[in-house]
Amino acid sequence: MSNKPARTLTFKCKKCSKSVQVSLQKVSACSHIQPYQGICKCGEVMRHATGQKDAVESYLAAPDGDWSHHHH
């Protein structure tokens, strides 16, 4: 059994309550975070991430498409 993250997850849209499927985004070799993104039929962009807490929080707080993860 591998430890790979799921390629898609399903959430409820905060605007219209329909189901939205978000897909795993391509990331670098960084294993701290697995970002997901999808767009609801109503146009709402849904973002989600799993992984290291501070990396997830910085991803979700960043403006759309403006996130990058840096090692310190």
Protein backbone atom coordinates (compact mmCIF):
# COMPACT_ATOMS: atom_id res chain seq x y z
CA MET A 1 0.00 0.00 0.00
CA SER A 2 1.58 3.26 -1.11
CA ASN A 3 1.40 6.55 0.75
CA LYS A 4 0.51 8.69 -2.27
CA PRO A 5 -2.17 11.36 -1.84
CA ALA A 6 -5.53 10.98 -3.55
CA ARG A 7 -5.63 12.53 -7.02
CA THR A 8 -9.10 14.01 -6.51
CA LEU A 9 -11.19 14.98 -3.50
CA THR A 10 -14.80 16.14 -3.35
CA PHE A 11 -16.06 19.09 -1.33
CA LYS A 12 -19.26 21.08 -1.05
CA CYS A 13 -19.15 24.53 -2.59
CA LYS A 14 -19.42 27.30 0.01
CA LYS A 15 -21.56 29.39 -2.38
CA CYS A 16 -24.08 26.98 -3.91
CA SER A 17 -23.60 23.75 -1.87
CA LYS A 18 -23.04 21.60 -4.97
CA SER A 19 -20.31 18.98 -4.97
CA VAL A 20 -16.99 20.18 -6.37
CA GLN A 21 -14.20 17.83 -7.35
CA VAL A 22 -10.73 19.25 -6.72
CA SER A 23 -7.67 17.73 -8.37
CA LEU A 24 -4.16 17.31 -7.04
CA GLN A 25 -1.99 20.05 -8.52
CA LYS A 26 1.45 19.38 -9.90
CA VAL A 27 4.03 20.31 -7.30
CA SER A 28 7.80 20.15 -7.03
CA ALA A 29 9.51 17.31 -5.22
CA CYS A 30 8.48 18.98 -1.96
CA SER A 31 6.61 16.55 0.24
CA HIS A 32 5.40 19.13 2.77
CA ILE A 33 2.16 19.88 0.96
CA GLN A 34 -0.25 18.45 -1.61
CA PRO A 35 -2.33 21.32 -3.01
CA TYR A 36 -5.69 20.68 -4.69
CA GLN A 37 -7.78 23.01 -6.83
CA GLY A 38 -11.07 22.85 -8.69
CA ILE A 39 -13.82 25.12 -9.97
CA CYS A 40 -17.50 24.68 -9.16
CA LYS A 41 -20.18 24.90 -11.84
CA CYS A 42 -21.18 28.24 -10.29
CA GLY A 43 -17.68 29.58 -10.92
CA GLU A 44 -16.37 29.48 -7.35
CA VAL A 45 -12.71 28.38 -7.14
CA MET A 46 -12.17 25.73 -4.49
CA ARG A 47 -8.74 25.20 -2.98
CA HIS A 48 -7.63 22.61 -0.46
CA ALA A 49 -4.33 21.20 0.70
CA THR A 50 -3.00 18.43 2.88
CA GLY A 51 0.39 18.21 4.52
CA GLN A 52 2.47 20.31 6.89
CA LYS A 53 0.22 22.73 8.81
CA ASP A 54 2.13 25.98 8.18
CA ALA A 55 2.65 25.19 4.49
CA VAL A 56 -1.06 24.38 4.07
CA GLU A 57 -2.07 27.62 5.82
CA SER A 58 0.25 29.74 3.66
CA TYR A 59 -1.09 28.06 0.50
CA LEU A 60 -4.73 28.65 1.43
CA ALA A 61 -4.04 32.26 2.49
CA ALA A 62 -2.20 33.16 -0.73
CA PRO A 63 -3.97 34.89 -3.62
CA ASP A 64 -5.06 32.46 -6.38
CA GLY A 65 -2.12 31.11 -8.33
CA ASP A 66 0.41 33.17 -6.39
CA TRP A 67 1.66 30.51 -4.00
CA SER A 68 5.07 28.92 -3.91
CA HIS A 69 6.70 26.91 -1.18
CA HIS A 70 10.22 27.80 -0.09
CA HIS A 71 12.50 25.82 2.18
CA HIS A 72 14.21 27.84 4.87
